[in-house]
Amino acid sequence: MYVKIETERLTFIRLNQSKLHSEEYIHLRNAISTEGDTGNVGRLTVLPATYTGSPRHMHQHAQDAMTYVRHYGRSDLFTIFMCNPKWKEIVEMLHPGQTSSDRHDITVRVFKQKLQSLMNYIVKQRVFGTTRCWMYSIECQKRGLPHAHILLWLVERIQSDQVDDIICAEIPDPITDPELHDVVITNMIHGPCGAINPQSPCMVNGKCSKRYPRQLTAETITGNDGYPQYRRRSPDD
């Protein structure tokens, strides 16, 4: 059904090119004037910015995003929110024998609702303080699961000594916080890789491309290569 809807939309755009307001196609003009081979140009069909996912649509949103940067500077926080195919809201809606890959309509709706709940929680509950503005971009993985890249601008900038109060790269204590411990152990543990599993997909030239295992450190250190070393304390600490 989705393919049929998209086909109808594309057909309408193709048949109504003369009614769509478009700027001069400078790249096509330059190609014709310099190369001179107009026989292979074919018939040009331009997707307008109103068509989701088109080059003009993506360019327009990219320019909107850069407006935030020009006005407010670089964002304070960057986080990723990923879809979990085992969410009960998804599993309960599947028919026997189905997986989340069979029902993208359910998966994306549940994901969008949870994303909206997350943003409401961050902004209205002021989890990181008062939010000046925010934006996110939703992408889909090769296996079909959506995830969102979120940027947050805060009224009060985060200082370097506050990073460890906001970001945690350690396994939670199973006694004081058993629920969070189970979530992290189930969903956020990398590997095994390295010498015990050299065939892991992350292994490149005998090393983990994701930089695991990470170095233990008592506090977060900003690296010169742009990759911070988050606090990962040893049991002795």
C-alpha atoms as a PDB file:
ATOM      1  CA  MET A   1       0.000   0.000   0.000  1.00  0.00           C
ATOM      2  CA  TYR A   2       2.822   2.404   0.879  1.00  0.00           C
ATOM      3  CA  VAL A   3       4.513   1.767  -2.472  1.00  0.00           C
ATOM      4  CA  LYS A   4       1.250   2.504  -4.283  1.00  0.00           C
ATOM      5  CA  ILE A   5       0.864   5.804  -2.437  1.00  0.00           C
ATOM      6  CA  GLU A   6       4.436   6.840  -3.225  1.00  0.00           C
ATOM      7  CA  THR A   7       3.974   5.872  -6.872  1.00  0.00           C
ATOM      8  CA  GLU A   8       0.876   8.065  -7.131  1.00  0.00           C
ATOM      9  CA  ARG A   9       2.696  11.001  -5.562  1.00  0.00           C
ATOM     10  CA  LEU A  10       5.650  10.627  -7.920  1.00  0.00           C
ATOM     11  CA  THR A  11       3.337  10.309 -10.913  1.00  0.00           C
ATOM     12  CA  PHE A  12       1.559  13.526  -9.956  1.00  0.00           C
ATOM     13  CA  ILE A  13       4.878  15.350  -9.667  1.00  0.00           C
ATOM     14  CA  ARG A  14       6.074  14.020 -13.026  1.00  0.00           C
ATOM     15  CA  LEU A  15       2.880  15.042 -14.824  1.00  0.00           C
ATOM     16  CA  ASN A  16       2.701  18.491 -13.236  1.00  0.00           C
ATOM     17  CA  GLN A  17       6.256  19.743 -13.624  1.00  0.00           C
ATOM     18  CA  SER A  18       5.082  22.883 -15.404  1.00  0.00           C
ATOM     19  CA  LYS A  19       2.932  23.853 -12.413  1.00  0.00           C
ATOM     20  CA  LEU A  20       5.734  23.458  -9.872  1.00  0.00           C
ATOM     21  CA  HIS A  21       7.679  26.616  -9.131  1.00  0.00           C
ATOM     22  CA  SER A  22      11.387  25.836  -9.533  1.00  0.00           C
ATOM     23  CA  GLU A  23      14.508  27.942  -9.709  1.00  0.00           C
ATOM     24  CA  GLU A  24      16.909  27.816 -12.647  1.00  0.00           C
ATOM     25  CA  TYR A  25      18.695  24.477 -12.883  1.00  0.00           C
ATOM     26  CA  ILE A  26      22.186  25.888 -13.141  1.00  0.00           C
ATOM     27  CA  HIS A  27      23.996  22.558 -13.062  1.00  0.00           C
ATOM     28  CA  LEU A  28      22.026  21.219 -16.024  1.00  0.00           C
ATOM     29  CA  ARG A  29      22.593  24.443 -17.937  1.00  0.00           C
ATOM     30  CA  ASN A  30      26.331  24.347 -17.279  1.00  0.00           C
ATOM     31  CA  ALA A  31      26.546  20.704 -18.341  1.00  0.00           C
ATOM     32  CA  ILE A  32      24.857  21.452 -21.658  1.00  0.00           C
ATOM     33  CA  SER A  33      26.949  24.550 -22.347  1.00  0.00           C
ATOM     34  CA  THR A  34      30.292  22.903 -21.541  1.00  0.00           C
ATOM     35  CA  GLU A  35      29.784  19.355 -22.756  1.00  0.00           C
ATOM     36  CA  GLY A  36      27.420  20.141 -25.593  1.00  0.00           C
ATOM     37  CA  ASP A  37      25.902  16.645 -25.696  1.00  0.00           C
ATOM     38  CA  THR A  38      22.221  17.446 -25.353  1.00  0.00           C
ATOM     39  CA  GLY A  39      21.143  14.126 -26.839  1.00  0.00           C
ATOM     40  CA  ASN A  40      21.715  12.284 -23.566  1.00  0.00           C
ATOM     41  CA  VAL A  41      20.066  14.810 -21.286  1.00  0.00           C
ATOM     42  CA  GLY A  42      16.651  13.182 -21.405  1.00  0.00           C
ATOM     43  CA  ARG A  43      13.581  14.583 -19.763  1.00  0.00           C
ATOM     44  CA  LEU A  44      14.230  16.233 -16.421  1.00  0.00           C
ATOM     45  CA  THR A  45      11.859  15.545 -13.535  1.00  0.00           C
ATOM     46  CA  VAL A  46      12.514  17.634 -10.443  1.00  0.00           C
ATOM     47  CA  LEU A  47      11.314  16.551  -7.021  1.00  0.00           C
ATOM     48  CA  PRO A  48      10.178  19.613  -5.042  1.00  0.00           C
ATOM     49  CA  ALA A  49      11.097  20.316  -1.435  1.00  0.00           C
ATOM     50  CA  THR A  50       7.614  19.210  -0.398  1.00  0.00           C
ATOM     51  CA  TYR A  51       8.489  15.613  -1.312  1.00  0.00           C
ATOM     52  CA  THR A  52       9.965  14.023   1.801  1.00  0.00           C
ATOM     53  CA  GLY A  53      13.450  12.662   1.236  1.00  0.00           C
ATOM     54  CA  SER A  54      14.101  14.507  -2.019  1.00  0.00           C
ATOM     55  CA  PRO A  55      17.418  16.375  -2.437  1.00  0.00           C
ATOM     56  CA  ARG A  56      15.642  19.726  -2.166  1.00  0.00           C
ATOM     57  CA  HIS A  57      13.794  18.602   0.962  1.00  0.00           C
ATOM     58  CA  MET A  58      17.038  17.459   2.604  1.00  0.00           C
ATOM     59  CA  HIS A  59      18.886  20.618   1.554  1.00  0.00           C
ATOM     60  CA  GLN A  60      16.137  22.824   2.942  1.00  0.00           C
ATOM     61  CA  HIS A  61      16.239  21.115   6.334  1.00  0.00           C
ATOM     62  CA  ALA A  62      20.045  21.242   6.360  1.00  0.00           C
ATOM     63  CA  GLN A  63      19.898  24.999   5.835  1.00  0.00           C
ATOM     64  CA  ASP A  64      17.327  25.296   8.633  1.00  0.00           C
ATOM     65  CA  ALA A  65      19.662  23.344  10.922  1.00  0.00           C
ATOM     66  CA  MET A  66      22.608  25.605  10.123  1.00  0.00           C
ATOM     67  CA  THR A  67      20.463  28.601  11.059  1.00  0.00           C
ATOM     68  CA  TYR A  68      20.379  27.254  14.621  1.00  0.00           C
ATOM     69  CA  VAL A  69      24.163  26.966  14.601  1.00  0.00           C
ATOM     70  CA  ARG A  70      24.671  30.481  13.233  1.00  0.00           C
ATOM     71  CA  HIS A  71      22.319  31.953  15.826  1.00  0.00           C
ATOM     72  CA  TYR A  72      23.050  29.870  18.942  1.00  0.00           C
ATOM     73  CA  GLY A  73      26.464  28.376  18.201  1.00  0.00           C
ATOM     74  CA  ARG A  74      27.349  24.721  18.533  1.00  0.00           C
ATOM     75  CA  SER A  75      24.955  22.459  20.399  1.00  0.00           C
ATOM     76  CA  ASP A  76      25.625  21.444  24.002  1.00  0.00           C
ATOM     77  CA  LEU A  77      24.479  17.837  23.829  1.00  0.00           C
ATOM     78  CA  PHE A  78      24.285  15.188  21.125  1.00  0.00           C
ATOM     79  CA  THR A  79      22.434  11.966  21.805  1.00  0.00           C
ATOM     80  CA  ILE A  80      21.041   9.047  19.838  1.00  0.00           C
ATOM     81  CA  PHE A  81      17.664   7.445  20.500  1.00  0.00           C
ATOM     82  CA  MET A  82      17.305   4.002  18.940  1.00  0.00           C
ATOM     83  CA  CYS A  83      14.279   1.815  18.290  1.00  0.00           C
ATOM     84  CA  ASN A  84      14.079  -1.473  20.172  1.00  0.00           C
ATOM     85  CA  PRO A  85      12.139  -4.159  18.245  1.00  0.00           C
ATOM     86  CA  LYS A  86      11.395  -5.861  21.580  1.00  0.00           C
ATOM     87  CA  TRP A  87       9.375  -2.954  22.948  1.00  0.00           C
ATOM     88  CA  LYS A  88       6.144  -4.423  24.265  1.00  0.00           C
ATOM     89  CA  GLU A  89       4.102  -1.857  22.310  1.00  0.00           C
ATOM     90  CA  ILE A  90       5.509  -3.395  19.124  1.00  0.00           C
ATOM     91  CA  VAL A  91       5.499  -7.051  20.150  1.00  0.00           C
ATOM     92  CA  GLU A  92       1.884  -6.973  21.350  1.00  0.00           C
ATOM     93  CA  MET A  93       0.679  -5.749  17.945  1.00  0.00           C
ATOM     94  CA  LEU A  94       2.388  -8.470  15.899  1.00  0.00           C
ATOM     95  CA  HIS A  95       0.529 -11.473  14.557  1.00  0.00           C
ATOM     96  CA  PRO A  96       1.872 -14.973  15.260  1.00  0.00           C
ATOM     97  CA  GLY A  97       5.031 -15.586  13.260  1.00  0.00           C
ATOM     98  CA  GLN A  98       5.627 -11.903  12.546  1.00  0.00           C
ATOM     99  CA  THR A  99       8.610  -9.796  13.561  1.00  0.00           C
ATOM    100  CA  SER A 100       9.094  -6.049  13.663  1.00  0.00           C
ATOM    101  CA  SER A 101      10.623  -6.258  10.177  1.00  0.00           C
ATOM    102  CA  ASP A 102       7.238  -7.411   8.849  1.00  0.00           C
ATOM    103  CA  ARG A 103       5.347  -4.437  10.292  1.00  0.00           C
ATOM    104  CA  HIS A 104       7.230  -1.237   9.633  1.00  0.00           C
ATOM    105  CA  ASP A 105       3.971   0.671  10.020  1.00  0.00           C
ATOM    106  CA  ILE A 106       3.766  -0.350  13.680  1.00  0.00           C
ATOM    107  CA  THR A 107       7.470   0.049  14.366  1.00  0.00           C
ATOM    108  CA  VAL A 108       7.775   3.627  13.108  1.00  0.00           C
ATOM    109  CA  ARG A 109       4.611   4.776  14.878  1.00  0.00           C
ATOM    110  CA  VAL A 110       5.721   3.386  18.228  1.00  0.00           C
ATOM    111  CA  PHE A 111       9.179   4.845  17.721  1.00  0.00           C
ATOM    112  CA  LYS A 112       7.808   8.305  16.901  1.00  0.00           C
ATOM    113  CA  GLN A 113       5.539   8.298  19.958  1.00  0.00           C
ATOM    114  CA  LYS A 114       8.391   7.281  22.232  1.00  0.00           C
ATOM    115  CA  LEU A 115      10.636   9.907  20.658  1.00  0.00           C
ATOM    116  CA  GLN A 116       8.029  12.578  21.328  1.00  0.00           C
ATOM    117  CA  SER A 117       7.721  11.359  24.923  1.00  0.00           C
ATOM    118  CA  LEU A 118      11.497  11.534  25.316  1.00  0.00           C
ATOM    119  CA  MET A 119      11.673  15.088  23.978  1.00  0.00           C
ATOM    120  CA  ASN A 120       8.797  16.181  26.215  1.00  0.00           C
ATOM    121  CA  TYR A 121      10.591  14.650  29.180  1.00  0.00           C
ATOM    122  CA  ILE A 122      13.897  16.355  28.359  1.00  0.00           C
ATOM    123  CA  VAL A 123      12.408  19.758  27.582  1.00  0.00           C
ATOM    124  CA  LYS A 124       9.476  20.054  29.988  1.00  0.00           C
ATOM    125  CA  GLN A 125      11.083  18.268  32.930  1.00  0.00           C
ATOM    126  CA  ARG A 126      14.350  20.146  32.319  1.00  0.00           C
ATOM    127  CA  VAL A 127      16.461  17.039  32.739  1.00  0.00           C
ATOM    128  CA  PHE A 128      19.618  18.852  31.599  1.00  0.00           C
ATOM    129  CA  GLY A 129      18.387  22.296  32.579  1.00  0.00           C
ATOM    130  CA  THR A 130      16.332  24.761  30.573  1.00  0.00           C
ATOM    131  CA  THR A 131      16.446  23.943  26.866  1.00  0.00           C
ATOM    132  CA  ARG A 132      16.923  26.877  24.509  1.00  0.00           C
ATOM    133  CA  CYS A 133      16.129  24.886  21.361  1.00  0.00           C
ATOM    134  CA  TRP A 134      16.518  21.397  19.904  1.00  0.00           C
ATOM    135  CA  MET A 135      16.328  19.424  16.692  1.00  0.00           C
ATOM    136  CA  TYR A 136      16.559  15.824  15.573  1.00  0.00           C
ATOM    137  CA  SER A 137      17.029  13.822  12.400  1.00  0.00           C
ATOM    138  CA  ILE A 138      15.447  10.385  11.986  1.00  0.00           C
ATOM    139  CA  GLU A 139      17.302   7.748   9.993  1.00  0.00           C
ATOM    140  CA  CYS A 140      16.711   4.066   9.329  1.00  0.00           C
ATOM    141  CA  GLN A 141      19.298   1.345   9.757  1.00  0.00           C
ATOM    142  CA  LYS A 142      19.896  -1.274   7.101  1.00  0.00           C
ATOM    143  CA  ARG A 143      17.753  -3.699   9.080  1.00  0.00           C
ATOM    144  CA  GLY A 144      14.881  -1.213   8.972  1.00  0.00           C
ATOM    145  CA  LEU A 145      14.871   0.126  12.530  1.00  0.00           C
ATOM    146  CA  PRO A 146      14.664   3.919  12.913  1.00  0.00           C
ATOM    147  CA  HIS A 147      16.880   5.979  15.175  1.00  0.00           C
ATOM    148  CA  ALA A 148      17.103   9.687  15.925  1.00  0.00           C
ATOM    149  CA  HIS A 149      20.139  11.956  16.190  1.00  0.00           C
ATOM    150  CA  ILE A 150      19.228  14.678  18.688  1.00  0.00           C
ATOM    151  CA  LEU A 151      20.930  18.039  19.248  1.00  0.00           C
ATOM    152  CA  LEU A 152      20.182  20.143  22.318  1.00  0.00           C
ATOM    153  CA  TRP A 153      21.047  23.770  23.026  1.00  0.00           C
ATOM    154  CA  LEU A 154      20.841  24.710  26.705  1.00  0.00           C
ATOM    155  CA  VAL A 155      20.336  28.132  28.260  1.00  0.00           C
ATOM    156  CA  GLU A 156      23.170  27.442  30.702  1.00  0.00           C
ATOM    157  CA  ARG A 157      26.188  25.937  28.992  1.00  0.00           C
ATOM    158  CA  ILE A 158      27.568  22.690  30.379  1.00  0.00           C
ATOM    159  CA  GLN A 159      30.954  23.106  32.030  1.00  0.00           C
ATOM    160  CA  SER A 160      33.741  20.558  31.735  1.00  0.00           C
ATOM    161  CA  ASP A 161      33.408  19.470  35.363  1.00  0.00           C
ATOM    162  CA  GLN A 162      29.710  18.654  34.806  1.00  0.00           C
ATOM    163  CA  VAL A 163      30.194  16.064  32.047  1.00  0.00           C
ATOM    164  CA  ASP A 164      30.455  13.123  34.434  1.00  0.00           C
ATOM    165  CA  ASP A 165      27.184  14.193  36.077  1.00  0.00           C
ATOM    166  CA  ILE A 166      25.348  13.891  32.749  1.00  0.00           C
ATOM    167  CA  ILE A 167      27.091  11.138  30.768  1.00  0.00           C
ATOM    168  CA  CYS A 168      27.752   7.701  32.218  1.00  0.00           C
ATOM    169  CA  ALA A 169      29.771   5.019  30.416  1.00  0.00           C
ATOM    170  CA  GLU A 170      29.859   2.608  33.346  1.00  0.00           C
ATOM    171  CA  ILE A 171      27.738  -0.436  34.121  1.00  0.00           C
ATOM    172  CA  PRO A 172      25.173   0.496  36.809  1.00  0.00           C
ATOM    173  CA  ASP A 173      25.296  -1.213  40.162  1.00  0.00           C
ATOM    174  CA  PRO A 174      23.031  -4.314  40.094  1.00  0.00           C
ATOM    175  CA  ILE A 175      22.075  -3.793  43.742  1.00  0.00           C
ATOM    176  CA  THR A 176      21.261  -0.083  43.861  1.00  0.00           C
ATOM    177  CA  ASP A 177      19.743   0.083  40.352  1.00  0.00           C
ATOM    178  CA  PRO A 178      18.906  -3.441  39.106  1.00  0.00           C
ATOM    179  CA  GLU A 179      16.489  -2.305  36.372  1.00  0.00           C
ATOM    180  CA  LEU A 180      18.968   0.054  34.719  1.00  0.00           C
ATOM    181  CA  HIS A 181      21.698  -2.564  35.138  1.00  0.00           C
ATOM    182  CA  ASP A 182      19.643  -5.112  33.199  1.00  0.00           C
ATOM    183  CA  VAL A 183      18.878  -2.614  30.427  1.00  0.00           C
ATOM    184  CA  VAL A 184      22.546  -1.721  29.978  1.00  0.00           C
ATOM    185  CA  ILE A 185      23.734  -5.324  30.102  1.00  0.00           C
ATOM    186  CA  THR A 186      21.113  -6.386  27.549  1.00  0.00           C
ATOM    187  CA  ASN A 187      21.382  -3.525  25.067  1.00  0.00           C
ATOM    188  CA  MET A 188      24.590  -1.558  25.515  1.00  0.00           C
ATOM    189  CA  ILE A 189      27.465  -4.024  25.862  1.00  0.00           C
ATOM    190  CA  HIS A 190      29.861  -4.204  22.915  1.00  0.00           C
ATOM    191  CA  GLY A 191      31.403  -7.450  21.757  1.00  0.00           C
ATOM    192  CA  PRO A 192      32.826  -9.842  22.482  1.00  0.00           C
ATOM    193  CA  CYS A 193      35.621  -8.975  20.086  1.00  0.00           C
ATOM    194  CA  GLY A 194      39.389  -8.790  20.127  1.00  0.00           C
ATOM    195  CA  ALA A 195      41.503 -11.868  20.755  1.00  0.00           C
ATOM    196  CA  ILE A 196      38.564 -13.941  22.000  1.00  0.00           C
ATOM    197  CA  ASN A 197      36.506 -13.240  18.863  1.00  0.00           C
ATOM    198  CA  PRO A 198      38.718 -12.050  15.968  1.00  0.00           C
ATOM    199  CA  GLN A 199      35.883 -12.711  13.476  1.00  0.00           C
ATOM    200  CA  SER A 200      33.628 -10.047  14.995  1.00  0.00           C
ATOM    201  CA  PRO A 201      32.286  -7.579  12.363  1.00  0.00           C
ATOM    202  CA  CYS A 202      33.925  -4.695  14.221  1.00  0.00           C
ATOM    203  CA  MET A 203      37.423  -6.148  13.799  1.00  0.00           C
ATOM    204  CA  VAL A 204      39.573  -4.366  11.182  1.00  0.00           C
ATOM    205  CA  ASN A 205      43.240  -5.301  10.754  1.00  0.00           C
ATOM    206  CA  GLY A 206      43.202  -7.152  14.038  1.00  0.00           C
ATOM    207  CA  LYS A 207      41.770  -4.230  16.037  1.00  0.00           C
ATOM    208  CA  CYS A 208      38.281  -3.222  17.096  1.00  0.00           C
ATOM    209  CA  SER A 209      37.111  -0.374  14.859  1.00  0.00           C
ATOM    210  CA  LYS A 210      34.928   0.879  17.736  1.00  0.00           C
ATOM    211  CA  ARG A 211      37.994   1.300  19.965  1.00  0.00           C
ATOM    212  CA  TYR A 212      37.130  -1.385  22.481  1.00  0.00           C
ATOM    213  CA  PRO A 213      38.174  -2.215  25.103  1.00  0.00           C
ATOM    214  CA  ARG A 214      38.248   1.377  26.301  1.00  0.00           C
ATOM    215  CA  GLN A 215      40.868   2.714  28.644  1.00  0.00           C
ATOM    216  CA  LEU A 216      39.932   2.987  32.319  1.00  0.00           C
ATOM    217  CA  THR A 217      40.007   6.548  33.617  1.00  0.00           C
ATOM    218  CA  ALA A 218      38.842   8.238  36.809  1.00  0.00           C
ATOM    219  CA  GLU A 219      37.270  11.175  34.949  1.00  0.00           C
ATOM    220  CA  THR A 220      36.307  12.139  31.426  1.00  0.00           C
ATOM    221  CA  ILE A 221      39.170  13.333  29.239  1.00  0.00           C
ATOM    222  CA  THR A 222      38.727  15.205  25.961  1.00  0.00           C
ATOM    223  CA  GLY A 223      40.904  13.708  23.246  1.00  0.00           C
ATOM    224  CA  ASN A 224      42.757  15.697  20.600  1.00  0.00           C
ATOM    225  CA  ASP A 225      41.114  13.582  17.890  1.00  0.00           C
ATOM    226  CA  GLY A 226      37.611  14.657  18.885  1.00  0.00           C
ATOM    227  CA  TYR A 227      36.806  11.406  20.705  1.00  0.00           C
ATOM    228  CA  PRO A 228      36.457  11.844  24.477  1.00  0.00           C
ATOM    229  CA  GLN A 229      37.501   9.158  26.921  1.00  0.00           C
ATOM    230  CA  TYR A 230      34.487   8.903  29.180  1.00  0.00           C
ATOM    231  CA  ARG A 231      34.899   8.059  32.827  1.00  0.00           C
ATOM    232  CA  ARG A 232      35.273   4.325  33.307  1.00  0.00           C
ATOM    233  CA  ARG A 233      36.537   3.691  36.794  1.00  0.00           C
ATOM    234  CA  SER A 234      38.241   0.475  37.801  1.00  0.00           C
ATOM    235  CA  PRO A 235      36.805  -1.560  40.706  1.00  0.00           C
ATOM    236  CA  ASP A 236      39.629  -0.218  42.882  1.00  0.00           C
ATOM    237  CA  ASP A 237      38.371   3.343  42.406  1.00  0.00           C
END
